[in-house]
């Protein structure tokens, strides 16, 4: 399931897609993620997207909008809120901190 997330994070991924990658039910996928990763499958997807975005912020000159779309977020505002929730600061500040 993690491999599926890592390979398809930029696409519109659903819990059904993640569970289907392991040929198990959505509820079983939820239990597996909760047991081994202490989060839901969707939370794991969002976390991977944000880690990828953070790397792109440090290594490229892409705009926030380009990075958010490249990482599977279809709203820059949602991306920014999720980034700040995970890292404690706005994504625009990441470039300043990385230098």
C-alpha atoms as a PDB file:
ATOM      1  CA  UNK A   1       0.000   0.000   0.000  1.00  0.00           C
ATOM      2  CA  UNK A   2       2.886   2.351   0.752  1.00  0.00           C
ATOM      3  CA  UNK A   3       4.407   1.591  -2.630  1.00  0.00           C
ATOM      4  CA  UNK A   4       1.110   2.547  -4.232  1.00  0.00           C
ATOM      5  CA  UNK A   5       1.099   5.828  -2.297  1.00  0.00           C
ATOM      6  CA  UNK A   6       4.714   6.572  -3.258  1.00  0.00           C
ATOM      7  CA  UNK A   7       4.051   5.867  -6.939  1.00  0.00           C
ATOM      8  CA  UNK A   8       0.677   7.632  -7.251  1.00  0.00           C
ATOM      9  CA  UNK A   9       0.803  10.495  -4.716  1.00  0.00           C
ATOM     10  CA  UNK A  10       0.514  13.151  -7.443  1.00  0.00           C
ATOM     11  CA  UNK A  11      -2.770  11.666  -8.660  1.00  0.00           C
ATOM     12  CA  UNK A  12      -6.241  11.748  -7.127  1.00  0.00           C
ATOM     13  CA  UNK A  13      -5.882   8.797  -4.743  1.00  0.00           C
ATOM     14  CA  UNK A  14      -8.735   7.405  -2.672  1.00  0.00           C
ATOM     15  CA  UNK A  15      -8.813   5.044   0.273  1.00  0.00           C
ATOM     16  CA  UNK A  16     -10.361   2.519  -2.112  1.00  0.00           C
ATOM     17  CA  UNK A  17      -7.307   2.823  -4.392  1.00  0.00           C
ATOM     18  CA  UNK A  18      -4.880   2.308  -1.509  1.00  0.00           C
ATOM     19  CA  UNK A  19      -6.760  -0.712  -0.159  1.00  0.00           C
ATOM     20  CA  UNK A  20      -7.177  -2.140  -3.646  1.00  0.00           C
ATOM     21  CA  UNK A  21      -3.413  -2.077  -4.147  1.00  0.00           C
ATOM     22  CA  UNK A  22      -3.174  -4.745  -1.428  1.00  0.00           C
ATOM     23  CA  UNK A  23      -6.442  -6.438  -2.395  1.00  0.00           C
ATOM     24  CA  UNK A  24      -7.970  -5.799   1.040  1.00  0.00           C
ATOM     25  CA  UNK A  25     -10.982  -3.871   2.309  1.00  0.00           C
ATOM     26  CA  UNK A  26     -10.851  -0.194   3.205  1.00  0.00           C
ATOM     27  CA  UNK A  27     -11.418  -1.000   6.874  1.00  0.00           C
ATOM     28  CA  UNK A  28      -8.577  -3.547   6.887  1.00  0.00           C
ATOM     29  CA  UNK A  29      -6.294  -0.983   5.232  1.00  0.00           C
ATOM     30  CA  UNK A  30      -7.225   1.482   7.963  1.00  0.00           C
ATOM     31  CA  UNK A  31      -6.420  -1.070  10.658  1.00  0.00           C
ATOM     32  CA  UNK A  32      -3.057  -1.912   9.065  1.00  0.00           C
ATOM     33  CA  UNK A  33      -2.006   1.716   8.840  1.00  0.00           C
ATOM     34  CA  UNK A  34      -3.209   2.450  12.359  1.00  0.00           C
ATOM     35  CA  UNK A  35      -1.297  -0.542  13.753  1.00  0.00           C
ATOM     36  CA  UNK A  36       1.994  -0.033  11.907  1.00  0.00           C
ATOM     37  CA  UNK A  37       2.111   3.691  11.158  1.00  0.00           C
ATOM     38  CA  UNK A  38      -0.188   5.153  13.814  1.00  0.00           C
ATOM     39  CA  UNK A  39      -2.171   7.063  11.191  1.00  0.00           C
ATOM     40  CA  UNK A  40      -4.823   6.519   8.530  1.00  0.00           C
ATOM     41  CA  UNK A  41      -3.947   5.662   4.916  1.00  0.00           C
ATOM     42  CA  UNK A  42      -5.084   9.131   3.822  1.00  0.00           C
ATOM     43  CA  UNK A  43      -2.903  10.746   6.512  1.00  0.00           C
ATOM     44  CA  UNK A  44       0.064   8.724   5.220  1.00  0.00           C
ATOM     45  CA  UNK A  45      -0.686   9.950   1.691  1.00  0.00           C
ATOM     46  CA  UNK A  46      -0.874  13.579   2.819  1.00  0.00           C
ATOM     47  CA  UNK A  47       2.327  13.219   4.850  1.00  0.00           C
ATOM     48  CA  UNK A  48       4.177  11.816   1.817  1.00  0.00           C
ATOM     49  CA  UNK A  49       2.852  14.615  -0.381  1.00  0.00           C
ATOM     50  CA  UNK A  50       4.035  17.213   2.143  1.00  0.00           C
ATOM     51  CA  UNK A  51       7.479  15.611   2.499  1.00  0.00           C
ATOM     52  CA  UNK A  52       7.827  15.689  -1.284  1.00  0.00           C
ATOM     53  CA  UNK A  53       6.648  19.315  -1.369  1.00  0.00           C
ATOM     54  CA  UNK A  54       9.159  20.275   1.315  1.00  0.00           C
ATOM     55  CA  UNK A  55      11.962  18.727  -0.727  1.00  0.00           C
ATOM     56  CA  UNK A  56      10.793  20.572  -3.864  1.00  0.00           C
ATOM     57  CA  UNK A  57      10.671  23.857  -1.946  1.00  0.00           C
ATOM     58  CA  UNK A  58      14.301  23.375  -0.966  1.00  0.00           C
ATOM     59  CA  UNK A  59      15.611  22.050  -4.277  1.00  0.00           C
ATOM     60  CA  UNK A  60      13.662  23.942  -6.953  1.00  0.00           C
ATOM     61  CA  UNK A  61      12.408  27.392  -7.827  1.00  0.00           C
ATOM     62  CA  UNK A  62       8.885  26.167  -8.632  1.00  0.00           C
ATOM     63  CA  UNK A  63       6.055  28.321  -7.322  1.00  0.00           C
ATOM     64  CA  UNK A  64       3.889  27.201  -4.406  1.00  0.00           C
ATOM     65  CA  UNK A  65       1.052  26.588  -6.833  1.00  0.00           C
ATOM     66  CA  UNK A  66       3.212  24.412  -9.092  1.00  0.00           C
ATOM     67  CA  UNK A  67       4.534  22.423  -6.137  1.00  0.00           C
ATOM     68  CA  UNK A  68       1.110  21.946  -4.596  1.00  0.00           C
ATOM     69  CA  UNK A  69      -0.338  20.659  -7.893  1.00  0.00           C
ATOM     70  CA  UNK A  70       2.728  18.482  -8.598  1.00  0.00           C
ATOM     71  CA  UNK A  71       2.282  16.872  -5.186  1.00  0.00           C
ATOM     72  CA  UNK A  72      -1.396  16.069  -5.651  1.00  0.00           C
ATOM     73  CA  UNK A  73      -2.987  19.035  -3.897  1.00  0.00           C
ATOM     74  CA  UNK A  74      -5.586  20.821  -5.986  1.00  0.00           C
ATOM     75  CA  UNK A  75      -5.837  23.829  -3.713  1.00  0.00           C
ATOM     76  CA  UNK A  76      -2.872  25.958  -2.695  1.00  0.00           C
ATOM     77  CA  UNK A  77      -4.765  27.080   0.408  1.00  0.00           C
ATOM     78  CA  UNK A  78      -5.370  23.482   1.522  1.00  0.00           C
ATOM     79  CA  UNK A  79      -1.734  22.633   0.790  1.00  0.00           C
ATOM     80  CA  UNK A  80      -0.546  25.607   2.841  1.00  0.00           C
ATOM     81  CA  UNK A  81      -2.820  24.730   5.782  1.00  0.00           C
ATOM     82  CA  UNK A  82      -1.691  21.100   5.802  1.00  0.00           C
ATOM     83  CA  UNK A  83       1.978  22.112   5.492  1.00  0.00           C
ATOM     84  CA  UNK A  84       1.706  24.512   8.416  1.00  0.00           C
ATOM     85  CA  UNK A  85      -0.184  21.919  10.469  1.00  0.00           C
ATOM     86  CA  UNK A  86       2.613  19.337   9.969  1.00  0.00           C
ATOM     87  CA  UNK A  87       5.706  21.559  10.069  1.00  0.00           C
ATOM     88  CA  UNK A  88       4.545  24.519  12.157  1.00  0.00           C
ATOM     89  CA  UNK A  89       5.288  27.210   9.575  1.00  0.00           C
ATOM     90  CA  UNK A  90       4.080  28.311   6.147  1.00  0.00           C
ATOM     91  CA  UNK A  91       5.565  26.677   3.047  1.00  0.00           C
ATOM     92  CA  UNK A  92       6.814  30.059   1.823  1.00  0.00           C
ATOM     93  CA  UNK A  93       8.963  30.283   4.944  1.00  0.00           C
ATOM     94  CA  UNK A  94      10.545  26.895   4.150  1.00  0.00           C
ATOM     95  CA  UNK A  95      12.710  28.448   1.434  1.00  0.00           C
ATOM     96  CA  UNK A  96      14.001  31.046   3.878  1.00  0.00           C
ATOM     97  CA  UNK A  97      14.772  28.414   6.520  1.00  0.00           C
ATOM     98  CA  UNK A  98      16.461  26.109   4.008  1.00  0.00           C
ATOM     99  CA  UNK A  99      19.112  28.672   3.070  1.00  0.00           C
END
